Amino acid sequence: MCGGAPFSSREAYRQLHAHLTDDSTTPIWHSRLPHRIRVFAWLLAKNRLNTRALLARKTIIDDSTCLRCPSTEEDRHHLFI
């Protein structure tokens, strides 16, 4: 390396993935909540919960409507708001 710091795989990884960081979930991982709650909050924030809408989009089930109120689609907003 010309006049710079010695090679570090950690720094190389950080430089290569700098554009991929998403600061919206950082507070979740730095909270003092139990791990399972942090994982659940991360899944909710990333829209990765297995709602009927997501399962229908993945063609695991055929119908994405809510079982309790069949006039709406069961997505994360419908479940929690």
C-alpha atoms as a PDB file:
ATOM      1  CA  MET A   1       0.000   0.000   0.000  1.00  0.00           C
ATOM      2  CA  CYS A   2       1.445   3.359  -0.988  1.00  0.00           C
ATOM      3  CA  GLY A   3       1.974   5.458   2.104  1.00  0.00           C
ATOM      4  CA  GLY A   4      -1.371   4.479   3.643  1.00  0.00           C
ATOM      5  CA  ALA A   5      -2.416   2.210   6.442  1.00  0.00           C
ATOM      6  CA  PRO A   6      -1.819  -1.514   6.073  1.00  0.00           C
ATOM      7  CA  PHE A   7      -4.547  -3.584   4.420  1.00  0.00           C
ATOM      8  CA  SER A   8      -7.453  -4.508   6.668  1.00  0.00           C
ATOM      9  CA  SER A   9     -10.218  -6.864   5.543  1.00  0.00           C
ATOM     10  CA  ARG A  10     -12.584  -5.136   7.979  1.00  0.00           C
ATOM     11  CA  GLU A  11     -11.968  -1.752   6.340  1.00  0.00           C
ATOM     12  CA  ALA A  12     -12.257  -3.253   2.846  1.00  0.00           C
ATOM     13  CA  TYR A  13     -15.616  -4.813   3.747  1.00  0.00           C
ATOM     14  CA  ARG A  14     -16.812  -1.521   5.241  1.00  0.00           C
ATOM     15  CA  GLN A  15     -15.812   0.401   2.103  1.00  0.00           C
ATOM     16  CA  LEU A  16     -17.472  -2.105  -0.231  1.00  0.00           C
ATOM     17  CA  HIS A  17     -20.729  -2.156   1.721  1.00  0.00           C
ATOM     18  CA  ALA A  18     -20.931   1.492   2.785  1.00  0.00           C
ATOM     19  CA  HIS A  19     -23.706   2.239   0.293  1.00  0.00           C
ATOM     20  CA  LEU A  20     -25.836  -0.653   1.589  1.00  0.00           C
ATOM     21  CA  THR A  21     -26.238   0.564   5.161  1.00  0.00           C
ATOM     22  CA  ASP A  22     -29.760   1.252   6.362  1.00  0.00           C
ATOM     23  CA  ASP A  23     -29.804   3.416   9.471  1.00  0.00           C
ATOM     24  CA  SER A  24     -33.540   2.975  10.061  1.00  0.00           C
ATOM     25  CA  THR A  25     -33.036  -0.339  11.896  1.00  0.00           C
ATOM     26  CA  THR A  26     -29.924   0.652  13.863  1.00  0.00           C
ATOM     27  CA  PRO A  27     -31.911   1.764  16.965  1.00  0.00           C
ATOM     28  CA  ILE A  28     -33.565  -1.665  17.060  1.00  0.00           C
ATOM     29  CA  TRP A  29     -30.259  -3.488  17.433  1.00  0.00           C
ATOM     30  CA  HIS A  30     -28.868  -1.037  19.993  1.00  0.00           C
ATOM     31  CA  SER A  31     -31.908  -1.211  22.260  1.00  0.00           C
ATOM     32  CA  ARG A  32     -31.982  -3.118  25.534  1.00  0.00           C
ATOM     33  CA  LEU A  33     -35.021  -5.172  24.527  1.00  0.00           C
ATOM     34  CA  PRO A  34     -34.880  -8.975  24.572  1.00  0.00           C
ATOM     35  CA  HIS A  35     -33.334 -10.469  21.441  1.00  0.00           C
ATOM     36  CA  ARG A  36     -36.574 -12.048  20.199  1.00  0.00           C
ATOM     37  CA  ILE A  37     -38.344  -8.670  20.394  1.00  0.00           C
ATOM     38  CA  ARG A  38     -35.515  -7.012  18.451  1.00  0.00           C
ATOM     39  CA  VAL A  39     -35.732  -9.702  15.764  1.00  0.00           C
ATOM     40  CA  PHE A  40     -39.515  -9.254  15.565  1.00  0.00           C
ATOM     41  CA  ALA A  41     -39.151  -5.452  15.284  1.00  0.00           C
ATOM     42  CA  TRP A  42     -36.514  -5.875  12.563  1.00  0.00           C
ATOM     43  CA  LEU A  43     -38.785  -8.250  10.615  1.00  0.00           C
ATOM     44  CA  LEU A  44     -41.641  -5.767  10.969  1.00  0.00           C
ATOM     45  CA  ALA A  45     -39.481  -2.837   9.818  1.00  0.00           C
ATOM     46  CA  LYS A  46     -38.188  -4.788   6.795  1.00  0.00           C
ATOM     47  CA  ASN A  47     -41.670  -6.100   5.856  1.00  0.00           C
ATOM     48  CA  ARG A  48     -40.555  -9.710   6.335  1.00  0.00           C
ATOM     49  CA  LEU A  49     -43.297 -10.911   8.697  1.00  0.00           C
ATOM     50  CA  ASN A  50     -45.278 -13.832   7.321  1.00  0.00           C
ATOM     51  CA  THR A  51     -48.510 -11.959   6.782  1.00  0.00           C
ATOM     52  CA  ARG A  52     -51.088 -13.378   4.408  1.00  0.00           C
ATOM     53  CA  ALA A  53     -50.187 -10.705   1.835  1.00  0.00           C
ATOM     54  CA  LEU A  54     -46.522 -11.727   1.869  1.00  0.00           C
ATOM     55  CA  LEU A  55     -47.361 -15.437   1.763  1.00  0.00           C
ATOM     56  CA  ALA A  56     -49.695 -14.861  -1.192  1.00  0.00           C
ATOM     57  CA  ARG A  57     -47.000 -12.878  -3.010  1.00  0.00           C
ATOM     58  CA  LYS A  58     -44.651 -15.851  -2.504  1.00  0.00           C
ATOM     59  CA  THR A  59     -47.443 -18.140  -3.839  1.00  0.00           C
ATOM     60  CA  ILE A  60     -47.549 -20.131  -0.604  1.00  0.00           C
ATOM     61  CA  ILE A  61     -51.249 -19.386  -0.116  1.00  0.00           C
ATOM     62  CA  ASP A  62     -53.892 -18.287  -2.602  1.00  0.00           C
ATOM     63  CA  ASP A  63     -55.849 -15.675  -0.670  1.00  0.00           C
ATOM     64  CA  SER A  64     -54.314 -12.611   1.013  1.00  0.00           C
ATOM     65  CA  THR A  65     -57.459 -11.285   2.685  1.00  0.00           C
ATOM     66  CA  CYS A  66     -57.690 -11.060   6.449  1.00  0.00           C
ATOM     67  CA  LEU A  67     -59.528 -13.931   8.122  1.00  0.00           C
ATOM     68  CA  ARG A  68     -61.238 -11.615  10.633  1.00  0.00           C
ATOM     69  CA  CYS A  69     -62.286  -8.865   8.218  1.00  0.00           C
ATOM     70  CA  PRO A  70     -62.354 -10.335   4.701  1.00  0.00           C
ATOM     71  CA  SER A  71     -62.733  -6.991   2.940  1.00  0.00           C
ATOM     72  CA  THR A  72     -59.068  -6.018   3.433  1.00  0.00           C
ATOM     73  CA  GLU A  73     -55.680  -7.521   2.705  1.00  0.00           C
ATOM     74  CA  GLU A  74     -53.719  -8.783   5.713  1.00  0.00           C
ATOM     75  CA  ASP A  75     -50.423  -6.891   5.576  1.00  0.00           C
ATOM     76  CA  ARG A  76     -48.230  -5.500   8.352  1.00  0.00           C
ATOM     77  CA  HIS A  77     -50.119  -2.195   8.483  1.00  0.00           C
ATOM     78  CA  HIS A  78     -53.451  -3.946   8.753  1.00  0.00           C
ATOM     79  CA  LEU A  79     -52.226  -6.156  11.604  1.00  0.00           C
ATOM     80  CA  PHE A  80     -50.625  -3.465  13.736  1.00  0.00           C
ATOM     81  CA  ILE A  81     -52.389  -0.238  12.828  1.00  0.00           C
END
